[in-house]
Amino acid sequence: MIKENLKNLKDLITTGPSGSGLFAPDQENLLEPITNLKVEDDFERCIQCGYCRQVCRVYNSTFNEMDCASGRNRIMKSLSSRNIDFDKEKIIDSIYRCMLCGNCHEVCPVGIDT
């Protein structure tokens, strides 16, 4: 059962829910310009309240700002506007550390689907 769920999760990550290839297996695609994606609006809506940090299991074990939704939103917003130099490996690691538990979405006061 666990093995089957892991395969399903891997399929979701590599093909995306619509088969769009948004989460392509080669990690470079994760860092392509994101200006055409509607999630960019979510980055703009994030008010950096920190509620997601309080409920994030990963952040509460690492205390690394990049490991919570608001930290990733800030990074992705900067990437989309090309305002920062970045360490690709750190960003990729942070994205893959997310447990997809949904706690951040539940507490987000502006309803971002993190």
PDB file of N, CA and C in Angstrom:
ATOM      1  N   MET A   1       0.824  -1.198   0.000  1.00  0.00           N
ATOM      2  CA  MET A   1       0.000   0.000   0.000  1.00  0.00           C
ATOM      3  C   MET A   1       0.868   1.262   0.000  1.00  0.00           C
ATOM      4  N   ILE A   2       1.852   1.319   0.896  1.00  0.00           N
ATOM      5  CA  ILE A   2       2.729   2.494   0.963  1.00  0.00           C
ATOM      6  C   ILE A   2       3.507   2.633  -0.335  1.00  0.00           C
ATOM      7  N   LYS A   3       4.006   1.507  -0.838  1.00  0.00           N
ATOM      8  CA  LYS A   3       4.773   1.536  -2.082  1.00  0.00           C
ATOM      9  C   LYS A   3       3.913   2.065  -3.234  1.00  0.00           C
ATOM     10  N   GLU A   4       2.650   1.649  -3.279  1.00  0.00           N
ATOM     11  CA  GLU A   4       1.737   2.111  -4.327  1.00  0.00           C
ATOM     12  C   GLU A   4       1.472   3.613  -4.194  1.00  0.00           C
ATOM     13  N   ASN A   5       1.283   4.091  -2.964  1.00  0.00           N
ATOM     14  CA  ASN A   5       1.058   5.522  -2.748  1.00  0.00           C
ATOM     15  C   ASN A   5       2.278   6.342  -3.134  1.00  0.00           C
ATOM     16  N   LEU A   6       3.476   5.833  -2.853  1.00  0.00           N
ATOM     17  CA  LEU A   6       4.685   6.540  -3.242  1.00  0.00           C
ATOM     18  C   LEU A   6       4.791   6.637  -4.764  1.00  0.00           C
ATOM     19  N   LYS A   7       4.419   5.567  -5.454  1.00  0.00           N
ATOM     20  CA  LYS A   7       4.443   5.599  -6.914  1.00  0.00           C
ATOM     21  C   LYS A   7       3.442   6.636  -7.423  1.00  0.00           C
ATOM     22  N   ASN A   8       2.237   6.676  -6.819  1.00  0.00           N
ATOM     23  CA  ASN A   8       1.231   7.661  -7.224  1.00  0.00           C
ATOM     24  C   ASN A   8       1.724   9.079  -6.981  1.00  0.00           C
ATOM     25  N   LEU A   9       2.400   9.313  -5.861  1.00  0.00           N
ATOM     26  CA  LEU A   9       2.946  10.631  -5.566  1.00  0.00           C
ATOM     27  C   LEU A   9       4.030  10.995  -6.570  1.00  0.00           C
ATOM     28  N   LYS A  10       4.884  10.020  -6.896  1.00  0.00           N
ATOM     29  CA  LYS A  10       5.937  10.278  -7.878  1.00  0.00           C
ATOM     30  C   LYS A  10       5.322  10.634  -9.231  1.00  0.00           C
ATOM     31  N   ASP A  11       4.258   9.921  -9.625  1.00  0.00           N
ATOM     32  CA  ASP A  11       3.578  10.223 -10.892  1.00  0.00           C
ATOM     33  C   ASP A  11       3.008  11.633 -10.871  1.00  0.00           C
ATOM     34  N   LEU A  12       2.420  12.041  -9.748  1.00  0.00           N
ATOM     35  CA  LEU A  12       1.862  13.385  -9.640  1.00  0.00           C
ATOM     36  C   LEU A  12       2.950  14.444  -9.762  1.00  0.00           C
ATOM     37  N   ILE A  13       4.077  14.207  -9.108  1.00  0.00           N
ATOM     38  CA  ILE A  13       5.173  15.176  -9.148  1.00  0.00           C
ATOM     39  C   ILE A  13       5.774  15.274 -10.545  1.00  0.00           C
ATOM     40  N   THR A  14       5.901  14.140 -11.233  1.00  0.00           N
ATOM     41  CA  THR A  14       6.569  14.179 -12.528  1.00  0.00           C
ATOM     42  C   THR A  14       5.660  14.599 -13.671  1.00  0.00           C
ATOM     43  N   THR A  15       4.351  14.417 -13.530  1.00  0.00           N
ATOM     44  CA  THR A  15       3.477  14.779 -14.649  1.00  0.00           C
ATOM     45  C   THR A  15       2.500  15.887 -14.305  1.00  0.00           C
ATOM     46  N   GLY A  16       2.295  16.165 -13.033  1.00  0.00           N
ATOM     47  CA  GLY A  16       1.322  17.163 -12.634  1.00  0.00           C
ATOM     48  C   GLY A  16      -0.078  16.592 -12.694  1.00  0.00           C
ATOM     49  N   PRO A  17      -1.029  17.223 -12.007  1.00  0.00           N
ATOM     50  CA  PRO A  17      -2.380  16.682 -11.948  1.00  0.00           C
ATOM     51  C   PRO A  17      -3.073  16.622 -13.304  1.00  0.00           C
ATOM     52  N   SER A  18      -2.702  17.479 -14.227  1.00  0.00           N
ATOM     53  CA  SER A  18      -3.360  17.481 -15.528  1.00  0.00           C
ATOM     54  C   SER A  18      -2.488  16.851 -16.605  1.00  0.00           C
ATOM     55  N   GLY A  19      -1.351  16.261 -16.190  1.00  0.00           N
ATOM     56  CA  GLY A  19      -0.432  15.688 -17.163  1.00  0.00           C
ATOM     57  C   GLY A  19       0.329  16.758 -17.924  1.00  0.00           C
ATOM     58  N   SER A  20       0.365  17.963 -17.373  1.00  0.00           N
ATOM     59  CA  SER A  20       0.944  19.100 -18.075  1.00  0.00           C
ATOM     60  C   SER A  20       2.460  19.123 -18.061  1.00  0.00           C
ATOM     61  N   GLY A  21       3.066  18.333 -17.196  1.00  0.00           N
ATOM     62  CA  GLY A  21       4.515  18.359 -17.100  1.00  0.00           C
ATOM     63  C   GLY A  21       5.017  19.528 -16.272  1.00  0.00           C
ATOM     64  N   LEU A  22       4.129  20.186 -15.520  1.00  0.00           N
ATOM     65  CA  LEU A  22       4.516  21.315 -14.685  1.00  0.00           C
ATOM     66  C   LEU A  22       5.616  20.915 -13.713  1.00  0.00           C
ATOM     67  N   PHE A  23       5.506  19.721 -13.160  1.00  0.00           N
ATOM     68  CA  PHE A  23       6.506  19.217 -12.238  1.00  0.00           C
ATOM     69  C   PHE A  23       7.346  18.174 -12.968  1.00  0.00           C
ATOM     70  N   ALA A  24       8.067  18.596 -13.935  1.00  0.00           N
ATOM     71  CA  ALA A  24       8.829  17.696 -14.793  1.00  0.00           C
ATOM     72  C   ALA A  24       9.954  17.040 -14.007  1.00  0.00           C
ATOM     73  N   PRO A  25      10.353  15.826 -14.416  1.00  0.00           N
ATOM     74  CA  PRO A  25      11.375  15.114 -13.671  1.00  0.00           C
ATOM     75  C   PRO A  25      12.735  15.803 -13.676  1.00  0.00           C
ATOM     76  N   ASP A  26      13.071  16.515 -14.751  1.00  0.00           N
ATOM     77  CA  ASP A  26      14.363  17.200 -14.689  1.00  0.00           C
ATOM     78  C   ASP A  26      14.170  18.491 -13.910  1.00  0.00           C
ATOM     79  N   GLN A  27      14.926  18.634 -12.864  1.00  0.00           N
ATOM     80  CA  GLN A  27      14.717  19.688 -11.887  1.00  0.00           C
ATOM     81  C   GLN A  27      14.894  21.088 -12.442  1.00  0.00           C
ATOM     82  N   GLU A  28      15.577  21.236 -13.539  1.00  0.00           N
ATOM     83  CA  GLU A  28      15.760  22.561 -14.116  1.00  0.00           C
ATOM     84  C   GLU A  28      14.418  23.204 -14.454  1.00  0.00           C
ATOM     85  N   ASN A  29      13.434  22.391 -14.850  1.00  0.00           N
ATOM     86  CA  ASN A  29      12.131  22.936 -15.209  1.00  0.00           C
ATOM     87  C   ASN A  29      11.442  23.613 -14.030  1.00  0.00           C
ATOM     88  N   LEU A  30      11.803  23.236 -12.812  1.00  0.00           N
ATOM     89  CA  LEU A  30      11.204  23.867 -11.642  1.00  0.00           C
ATOM     90  C   LEU A  30      11.609  25.329 -11.526  1.00  0.00           C
ATOM     91  N   LEU A  31      12.695  25.695 -12.146  1.00  0.00           N
ATOM     92  CA  LEU A  31      13.219  27.044 -12.000  1.00  0.00           C
ATOM     93  C   LEU A  31      13.049  27.882 -13.262  1.00  0.00           C
ATOM     94  N   GLU A  32      12.260  27.394 -14.202  1.00  0.00           N
ATOM     95  CA  GLU A  32      11.976  28.175 -15.409  1.00  0.00           C
ATOM     96  C   GLU A  32      11.147  29.399 -15.015  1.00  0.00           C
ATOM     97  N   PRO A  33      11.142  30.442 -15.830  1.00  0.00           N
ATOM     98  CA  PRO A  33      10.297  31.597 -15.524  1.00  0.00           C
ATOM     99  C   PRO A  33       8.853  31.168 -15.337  1.00  0.00           C
ATOM    100  N   ILE A  34       8.217  31.713 -14.307  1.00  0.00           N
ATOM    101  CA  ILE A  34       6.865  31.292 -13.965  1.00  0.00           C
ATOM    102  C   ILE A  34       5.833  32.368 -14.253  1.00  0.00           C
ATOM    103  N   THR A  35       6.161  33.292 -15.093  1.00  0.00           N
ATOM    104  CA  THR A  35       5.262  34.411 -15.329  1.00  0.00           C
ATOM    105  C   THR A  35       3.958  34.013 -15.991  1.00  0.00           C
ATOM    106  N   ASN A  36       3.909  32.890 -16.672  1.00  0.00           N
ATOM    107  CA  ASN A  36       2.682  32.478 -17.338  1.00  0.00           C
ATOM    108  C   ASN A  36       1.780  31.624 -16.465  1.00  0.00           C
ATOM    109  N   LEU A  37       2.196  31.313 -15.268  1.00  0.00           N
ATOM    110  CA  LEU A  37       1.392  30.474 -14.402  1.00  0.00           C
ATOM    111  C   LEU A  37       0.485  31.319 -13.528  1.00  0.00           C
ATOM    112  N   LYS A  38      -0.740  30.869 -13.324  1.00  0.00           N
ATOM    113  CA  LYS A  38      -1.666  31.636 -12.504  1.00  0.00           C
ATOM    114  C   LYS A  38      -1.277  31.652 -11.033  1.00  0.00           C
ATOM    115  N   VAL A  39      -0.379  30.751 -10.600  1.00  0.00           N
ATOM    116  CA  VAL A  39       0.043  30.750  -9.207  1.00  0.00           C
ATOM    117  C   VAL A  39       0.821  32.010  -8.858  1.00  0.00           C
ATOM    118  N   GLU A  40       1.296  32.729  -9.860  1.00  0.00           N
ATOM    119  CA  GLU A  40       2.010  33.968  -9.580  1.00  0.00           C
ATOM    120  C   GLU A  40       1.121  34.933  -8.797  1.00  0.00           C
ATOM    121  N   ASP A  41      -0.183  34.901  -9.054  1.00  0.00           N
ATOM    122  CA  ASP A  41      -1.125  35.724  -8.294  1.00  0.00           C
ATOM    123  C   ASP A  41      -1.077  35.373  -6.812  1.00  0.00           C
ATOM    124  N   ASP A  42      -0.900  34.070  -6.506  1.00  0.00           N
ATOM    125  CA  ASP A  42      -0.801  33.647  -5.118  1.00  0.00           C
ATOM    126  C   ASP A  42       0.426  34.251  -4.447  1.00  0.00           C
ATOM    127  N   PHE A  43       1.535  34.319  -5.173  1.00  0.00           N
ATOM    128  CA  PHE A  43       2.734  34.908  -4.594  1.00  0.00           C
ATOM    129  C   PHE A  43       2.467  36.361  -4.228  1.00  0.00           C
ATOM    130  N   GLU A  44       1.740  37.064  -5.072  1.00  0.00           N
ATOM    131  CA  GLU A  44       1.422  38.470  -4.825  1.00  0.00           C
ATOM    132  C   GLU A  44       0.463  38.618  -3.645  1.00  0.00           C
ATOM    133  N   ARG A  45      -0.436  37.659  -3.474  1.00  0.00           N
ATOM    134  CA  ARG A  45      -1.444  37.759  -2.413  1.00  0.00           C
ATOM    135  C   ARG A  45      -0.889  37.432  -1.030  1.00  0.00           C
ATOM    136  N   CYS A  46       0.231  36.729  -0.971  1.00  0.00           N
ATOM    137  CA  CYS A  46       0.792  36.339   0.324  1.00  0.00           C
ATOM    138  C   CYS A  46       1.124  37.583   1.139  1.00  0.00           C
ATOM    139  N   ILE A  47       0.593  37.642   2.367  1.00  0.00           N
ATOM    140  CA  ILE A  47       0.797  38.813   3.224  1.00  0.00           C
ATOM    141  C   ILE A  47       1.885  38.575   4.272  1.00  0.00           C
ATOM    142  N   GLN A  48       2.581  37.443   4.164  1.00  0.00           N
ATOM    143  CA  GLN A  48       3.691  37.125   5.062  1.00  0.00           C
ATOM    144  C   GLN A  48       3.265  37.169   6.536  1.00  0.00           C
ATOM    145  N   CYS A  49       2.073  36.650   6.827  1.00  0.00           N
ATOM    146  CA  CYS A  49       1.558  36.663   8.199  1.00  0.00           C
ATOM    147  C   CYS A  49       2.271  35.659   9.098  1.00  0.00           C
ATOM    148  N   GLY A  50       2.808  34.585   8.502  1.00  0.00           N
ATOM    149  CA  GLY A  50       3.529  33.592   9.284  1.00  0.00           C
ATOM    150  C   GLY A  50       2.669  32.468   9.837  1.00  0.00           C
ATOM    151  N   TYR A  51       1.368  32.480   9.577  1.00  0.00           N
ATOM    152  CA  TYR A  51       0.519  31.392  10.075  1.00  0.00           C
ATOM    153  C   TYR A  51       0.987  30.043   9.531  1.00  0.00           C
ATOM    154  N   CYS A  52       1.420  30.034   8.273  1.00  0.00           N
ATOM    155  CA  CYS A  52       1.873  28.772   7.676  1.00  0.00           C
ATOM    156  C   CYS A  52       3.104  28.235   8.404  1.00  0.00           C
ATOM    157  N   ARG A  53       3.964  29.140   8.850  1.00  0.00           N
ATOM    158  CA  ARG A  53       5.164  28.713   9.589  1.00  0.00           C
ATOM    159  C   ARG A  53       4.774  27.984  10.863  1.00  0.00           C
ATOM    160  N   GLN A  54       3.748  28.501  11.537  1.00  0.00           N
ATOM    161  CA  GLN A  54       3.344  27.926  12.822  1.00  0.00           C
ATOM    162  C   GLN A  54       2.845  26.492  12.699  1.00  0.00           C
ATOM    163  N   VAL A  55       2.265  26.148  11.545  1.00  0.00           N
ATOM    164  CA  VAL A  55       1.685  24.812  11.396  1.00  0.00           C
ATOM    165  C   VAL A  55       2.506  23.891  10.501  1.00  0.00           C
ATOM    166  N   CYS A  56       3.614  24.379   9.969  1.00  0.00           N
ATOM    167  CA  CYS A  56       4.418  23.587   9.037  1.00  0.00           C
ATOM    168  C   CYS A  56       5.324  22.615   9.795  1.00  0.00           C
ATOM    169  N   ARG A  57       5.116  21.327   9.539  1.00  0.00           N
ATOM    170  CA  ARG A  57       5.919  20.298  10.217  1.00  0.00           C
ATOM    171  C   ARG A  57       7.387  20.384   9.813  1.00  0.00           C
ATOM    172  N   VAL A  58       7.634  20.681   8.559  1.00  0.00           N
ATOM    173  CA  VAL A  58       9.018  20.747   8.084  1.00  0.00           C
ATOM    174  C   VAL A  58       9.715  21.964   8.694  1.00  0.00           C
ATOM    175  N   TYR A  59       9.084  23.148   8.600  1.00  0.00           N
ATOM    176  CA  TYR A  59       9.691  24.354   9.172  1.00  0.00           C
ATOM    177  C   TYR A  59       9.958  24.174  10.666  1.00  0.00           C
ATOM    178  N   ASN A  60       9.018  23.547  11.371  1.00  0.00           N
ATOM    179  CA  ASN A  60       9.179  23.384  12.809  1.00  0.00           C
ATOM    180  C   ASN A  60      10.237  22.364  13.189  1.00  0.00           C
ATOM    181  N   SER A  61      10.768  21.664  12.199  1.00  0.00           N
ATOM    182  CA  SER A  61      11.908  20.784  12.494  1.00  0.00           C
ATOM    183  C   SER A  61      13.225  21.371  11.988  1.00  0.00           C
ATOM    184  N   THR A  62      13.166  22.241  10.962  1.00  0.00           N
ATOM    185  CA  THR A  62      14.410  22.802  10.408  1.00  0.00           C
ATOM    186  C   THR A  62      14.624  24.263  10.778  1.00  0.00           C
ATOM    187  N   PHE A  63      13.535  24.989  11.044  1.00  0.00           N
ATOM    188  CA  PHE A  63      13.556  26.435  11.296  1.00  0.00           C
ATOM    189  C   PHE A  63      14.231  27.198  10.148  1.00  0.00           C
ATOM    190  N   ASN A  64      14.096  26.650   8.955  1.00  0.00           N
ATOM    191  CA  ASN A  64      14.623  27.280   7.747  1.00  0.00           C
ATOM    192  C   ASN A  64      13.465  27.972   7.038  1.00  0.00           C
ATOM    193  N   GLU A  65      13.568  29.271   6.853  1.00  0.00           N
ATOM    194  CA  GLU A  65      12.493  30.069   6.254  1.00  0.00           C
ATOM    195  C   GLU A  65      12.065  29.521   4.881  1.00  0.00           C
ATOM    196  N   MET A  66      12.991  28.949   4.138  1.00  0.00           N
ATOM    197  CA  MET A  66      12.657  28.410   2.821  1.00  0.00           C
ATOM    198  C   MET A  66      11.773  27.168   2.910  1.00  0.00           C
ATOM    199  N   ASP A  67      11.639  26.599   4.093  1.00  0.00           N
ATOM    200  CA  ASP A  67      10.873  25.362   4.251  1.00  0.00           C
ATOM    201  C   ASP A  67       9.403  25.585   4.580  1.00  0.00           C
ATOM    202  N   CYS A  68       8.941  26.822   4.626  1.00  0.00           N
ATOM    203  CA  CYS A  68       7.515  27.060   4.855  1.00  0.00           C
ATOM    204  C   CYS A  68       6.928  27.774   3.642  1.00  0.00           C
ATOM    205  N   ALA A  69       5.615  27.760   3.544  1.00  0.00           N
ATOM    206  CA  ALA A  69       4.942  28.303   2.362  1.00  0.00           C
ATOM    207  C   ALA A  69       5.254  29.779   2.142  1.00  0.00           C
ATOM    208  N   SER A  70       5.254  30.583   3.201  1.00  0.00           N
ATOM    209  CA  SER A  70       5.512  32.017   3.003  1.00  0.00           C
ATOM    210  C   SER A  70       6.937  32.253   2.520  1.00  0.00           C
ATOM    211  N   GLY A  71       7.883  31.466   3.011  1.00  0.00           N
ATOM    212  CA  GLY A  71       9.265  31.589   2.544  1.00  0.00           C
ATOM    213  C   GLY A  71       9.402  31.193   1.087  1.00  0.00           C
ATOM    214  N   ARG A  72       8.743  30.085   0.711  1.00  0.00           N
ATOM    215  CA  ARG A  72       8.782  29.663  -0.694  1.00  0.00           C
ATOM    216  C   ARG A  72       8.054  30.667  -1.583  1.00  0.00           C
ATOM    217  N   ASN A  73       6.953  31.239  -1.100  1.00  0.00           N
ATOM    218  CA  ASN A  73       6.247  32.257  -1.883  1.00  0.00           C
ATOM    219  C   ASN A  73       7.143  33.456  -2.157  1.00  0.00           C
ATOM    220  N   ARG A  74       7.873  33.888  -1.126  1.00  0.00           N
ATOM    221  CA  ARG A  74       8.770  35.030  -1.294  1.00  0.00           C
ATOM    222  C   ARG A  74       9.870  34.708  -2.316  1.00  0.00           C
ATOM    223  N   ILE A  75      10.401  33.512  -2.243  1.00  0.00           N
ATOM    224  CA  ILE A  75      11.443  33.092  -3.185  1.00  0.00           C
ATOM    225  C   ILE A  75      10.886  33.034  -4.597  1.00  0.00           C
ATOM    226  N   MET A  76       9.722  32.402  -4.761  1.00  0.00           N
ATOM    227  CA  MET A  76       9.138  32.257  -6.100  1.00  0.00           C
ATOM    228  C   MET A  76       8.749  33.614  -6.676  1.00  0.00           C
ATOM    229  N   LYS A  77       8.277  34.512  -5.830  1.00  0.00           N
ATOM    230  CA  LYS A  77       7.949  35.874  -6.295  1.00  0.00           C
ATOM    231  C   LYS A  77       9.214  36.559  -6.814  1.00  0.00           C
ATOM    232  N   SER A  78      10.294  36.417  -6.089  1.00  0.00           N
ATOM    233  CA  SER A  78      11.559  37.011  -6.513  1.00  0.00           C
ATOM    234  C   SER A  78      12.071  36.365  -7.789  1.00  0.00           C
ATOM    235  N   LEU A  79      11.916  35.046  -7.892  1.00  0.00           N
ATOM    236  CA  LEU A  79      12.349  34.353  -9.106  1.00  0.00           C
ATOM    237  C   LEU A  79      11.542  34.804 -10.312  1.00  0.00           C
ATOM    238  N   SER A  80      10.239  34.976 -10.118  1.00  0.00           N
ATOM    239  CA  SER A  80       9.393  35.343 -11.252  1.00  0.00           C
ATOM    240  C   SER A  80       9.725  36.732 -11.765  1.00  0.00           C
ATOM    241  N   SER A  81      10.189  37.597 -10.880  1.00  0.00           N
ATOM    242  CA  SER A  81      10.569  38.938 -11.321  1.00  0.00           C
ATOM    243  C   SER A  81      12.071  39.040 -11.574  1.00  0.00           C
ATOM    244  N   ARG A  82      12.761  37.911 -11.375  1.00  0.00           N
ATOM    245  CA  ARG A  82      14.213  37.817 -11.595  1.00  0.00           C
ATOM    246  C   ARG A  82      14.988  38.839 -10.760  1.00  0.00           C
ATOM    247  N   ASN A  83      14.532  39.041  -9.529  1.00  0.00           N
ATOM    248  CA  ASN A  83      15.164  40.019  -8.648  1.00  0.00           C
ATOM    249  C   ASN A  83      16.252  39.445  -7.754  1.00  0.00           C
ATOM    250  N   ILE A  84      16.505  38.158  -7.833  1.00  0.00           N
ATOM    251  CA  ILE A  84      17.503  37.589  -6.933  1.00  0.00           C
ATOM    252  C   ILE A  84      18.439  36.653  -7.674  1.00  0.00           C
ATOM    253  N   ASP A  85      19.625  36.508  -7.103  1.00  0.00           N
ATOM    254  CA  ASP A  85      20.501  35.416  -7.476  1.00  0.00           C
ATOM    255  C   ASP A  85      20.122  34.292  -6.529  1.00  0.00           C
ATOM    256  N   PHE A  86      20.183  33.063  -6.989  1.00  0.00           N
ATOM    257  CA  PHE A  86      19.712  31.987  -6.145  1.00  0.00           C
ATOM    258  C   PHE A  86      20.573  30.745  -6.286  1.00  0.00           C
ATOM    259  N   ASP A  87      20.518  29.943  -5.244  1.00  0.00           N
ATOM    260  CA  ASP A  87      21.184  28.650  -5.229  1.00  0.00           C
ATOM    261  C   ASP A  87      20.134  27.623  -5.629  1.00  0.00           C
ATOM    262  N   LYS A  88      20.224  27.131  -6.868  1.00  0.00           N
ATOM    263  CA  LYS A  88      19.214  26.217  -7.398  1.00  0.00           C
ATOM    264  C   LYS A  88      19.016  24.997  -6.503  1.00  0.00           C
ATOM    265  N   GLU A  89      20.100  24.448  -6.016  1.00  0.00           N
ATOM    266  CA  GLU A  89      20.005  23.235  -5.202  1.00  0.00           C
ATOM    267  C   GLU A  89      19.211  23.486  -3.926  1.00  0.00           C
ATOM    268  N   LYS A  90      19.433  24.619  -3.275  1.00  0.00           N
ATOM    269  CA  LYS A  90      18.705  24.929  -2.045  1.00  0.00           C
ATOM    270  C   LYS A  90      17.214  25.091  -2.315  1.00  0.00           C
ATOM    271  N   ILE A  91      16.874  25.743  -3.413  1.00  0.00           N
ATOM    272  CA  ILE A  91      15.462  25.938  -3.747  1.00  0.00           C
ATOM    273  C   ILE A  91      14.807  24.604  -4.073  1.00  0.00           C
ATOM    274  N   ILE A  92      15.461  23.795  -4.853  1.00  0.00           N
ATOM    275  CA  ILE A  92      14.918  22.480  -5.211  1.00  0.00           C
ATOM    276  C   ILE A  92      14.742  21.630  -3.955  1.00  0.00           C
ATOM    277  N   ASP A  93      15.745  21.611  -3.092  1.00  0.00           N
ATOM    278  CA  ASP A  93      15.635  20.845  -1.844  1.00  0.00           C
ATOM    279  C   ASP A  93      14.453  21.323  -1.014  1.00  0.00           C
ATOM    280  N   SER A  94      14.269  22.618  -0.925  1.00  0.00           N
ATOM    281  CA  SER A  94      13.170  23.179  -0.144  1.00  0.00           C
ATOM    282  C   SER A  94      11.817  22.757  -0.711  1.00  0.00           C
ATOM    283  N   ILE A  95      11.686  22.797  -2.018  1.00  0.00           N
ATOM    284  CA  ILE A  95      10.422  22.408  -2.654  1.00  0.00           C
ATOM    285  C   ILE A  95      10.124  20.936  -2.367  1.00  0.00           C
ATOM    286  N   TYR A  96      11.127  20.093  -2.475  1.00  0.00           N
ATOM    287  CA  TYR A  96      10.913  18.667  -2.261  1.00  0.00           C
ATOM    288  C   TYR A  96      10.744  18.291  -0.792  1.00  0.00           C
ATOM    289  N   ARG A  97      11.117  19.152   0.134  1.00  0.00           N
ATOM    290  CA  ARG A  97      10.912  18.852   1.549  1.00  0.00           C
ATOM    291  C   ARG A  97       9.452  18.998   1.962  1.00  0.00           C
ATOM    292  N   CYS A  98       8.661  19.743   1.225  1.00  0.00           N
ATOM    293  CA  CYS A  98       7.243  19.925   1.566  1.00  0.00           C
ATOM    294  C   CYS A  98       6.555  18.572   1.655  1.00  0.00           C
ATOM    295  N   MET A  99       5.792  18.351   2.722  1.00  0.00           N
ATOM    296  CA  MET A  99       5.119  17.071   2.937  1.00  0.00           C
ATOM    297  C   MET A  99       3.725  17.033   2.306  1.00  0.00           C
ATOM    298  N   LEU A 100       3.283  18.129   1.717  1.00  0.00           N
ATOM    299  CA  LEU A 100       1.969  18.207   1.072  1.00  0.00           C
ATOM    300  C   LEU A 100       0.835  17.878   2.038  1.00  0.00           C
ATOM    301  N   CYS A 101       0.994  18.254   3.308  1.00  0.00           N
ATOM    302  CA  CYS A 101      -0.022  17.927   4.316  1.00  0.00           C
ATOM    303  C   CYS A 101      -1.237  18.856   4.236  1.00  0.00           C
ATOM    304  N   GLY A 102      -1.054  20.066   3.699  1.00  0.00           N
ATOM    305  CA  GLY A 102      -2.172  20.994   3.554  1.00  0.00           C
ATOM    306  C   GLY A 102      -2.424  21.887   4.752  1.00  0.00           C
ATOM    307  N   ASN A 103      -1.631  21.746   5.805  1.00  0.00           N
ATOM    308  CA  ASN A 103      -1.843  22.577   6.989  1.00  0.00           C
ATOM    309  C   ASN A 103      -1.745  24.062   6.665  1.00  0.00           C
ATOM    310  N   CYS A 104      -0.795  24.425   5.806  1.00  0.00           N
ATOM    311  CA  CYS A 104      -0.602  25.845   5.486  1.00  0.00           C
ATOM    312  C   CYS A 104      -1.829  26.406   4.761  1.00  0.00           C
ATOM    313  N   HIS A 105      -2.406  25.624   3.887  1.00  0.00           N
ATOM    314  CA  HIS A 105      -3.598  26.070   3.159  1.00  0.00           C
ATOM    315  C   HIS A 105      -4.769  26.291   4.113  1.00  0.00           C
ATOM    316  N   GLU A 106      -4.895  25.411   5.092  1.00  0.00           N
ATOM    317  CA  GLU A 106      -6.000  25.509   6.048  1.00  0.00           C
ATOM    318  C   GLU A 106      -5.941  26.778   6.887  1.00  0.00           C
ATOM    319  N   VAL A 107      -4.753  27.268   7.202  1.00  0.00           N
ATOM    320  CA  VAL A 107      -4.648  28.442   8.081  1.00  0.00           C
ATOM    321  C   VAL A 107      -4.421  29.745   7.331  1.00  0.00           C
ATOM    322  N   CYS A 108      -4.254  29.696   6.013  1.00  0.00           N
ATOM    323  CA  CYS A 108      -3.947  30.904   5.239  1.00  0.00           C
ATOM    324  C   CYS A 108      -5.142  31.859   5.238  1.00  0.00           C
ATOM    325  N   PRO A 109      -4.970  33.076   5.784  1.00  0.00           N
ATOM    326  CA  PRO A 109      -6.093  34.016   5.870  1.00  0.00           C
ATOM    327  C   PRO A 109      -6.537  34.591   4.523  1.00  0.00           C
ATOM    328  N   VAL A 110      -5.690  34.473   3.493  1.00  0.00           N
ATOM    329  CA  VAL A 110      -6.092  34.978   2.178  1.00  0.00           C
ATOM    330  C   VAL A 110      -6.410  33.842   1.213  1.00  0.00           C
ATOM    331  N   GLY A 111      -6.414  32.604   1.714  1.00  0.00           N
ATOM    332  CA  GLY A 111      -6.853  31.461   0.932  1.00  0.00           C
ATOM    333  C   GLY A 111      -5.924  30.997  -0.162  1.00  0.00           C
ATOM    334  N   ILE A 112      -4.627  31.203   0.017  1.00  0.00           N
ATOM    335  CA  ILE A 112      -3.676  30.731  -0.988  1.00  0.00           C
ATOM    336  C   ILE A 112      -3.616  29.217  -0.926  1.00  0.00           C
ATOM    337  N   ASP A 113      -3.716  28.579  -2.080  1.00  0.00           N
ATOM    338  CA  ASP A 113      -3.618  27.126  -2.155  1.00  0.00           C
ATOM    339  C   ASP A 113      -2.152  26.746  -2.209  1.00  0.00           C
ATOM    340  N   THR A 114      -1.525  26.770  -1.042  1.00  0.00           N
ATOM    341  CA  THR A 114      -0.100  26.522  -0.954  1.00  0.00           C
ATOM    342  C   THR A 114       0.177  25.067  -1.112  1.00  0.00           C
TER     343      THR A 114
END
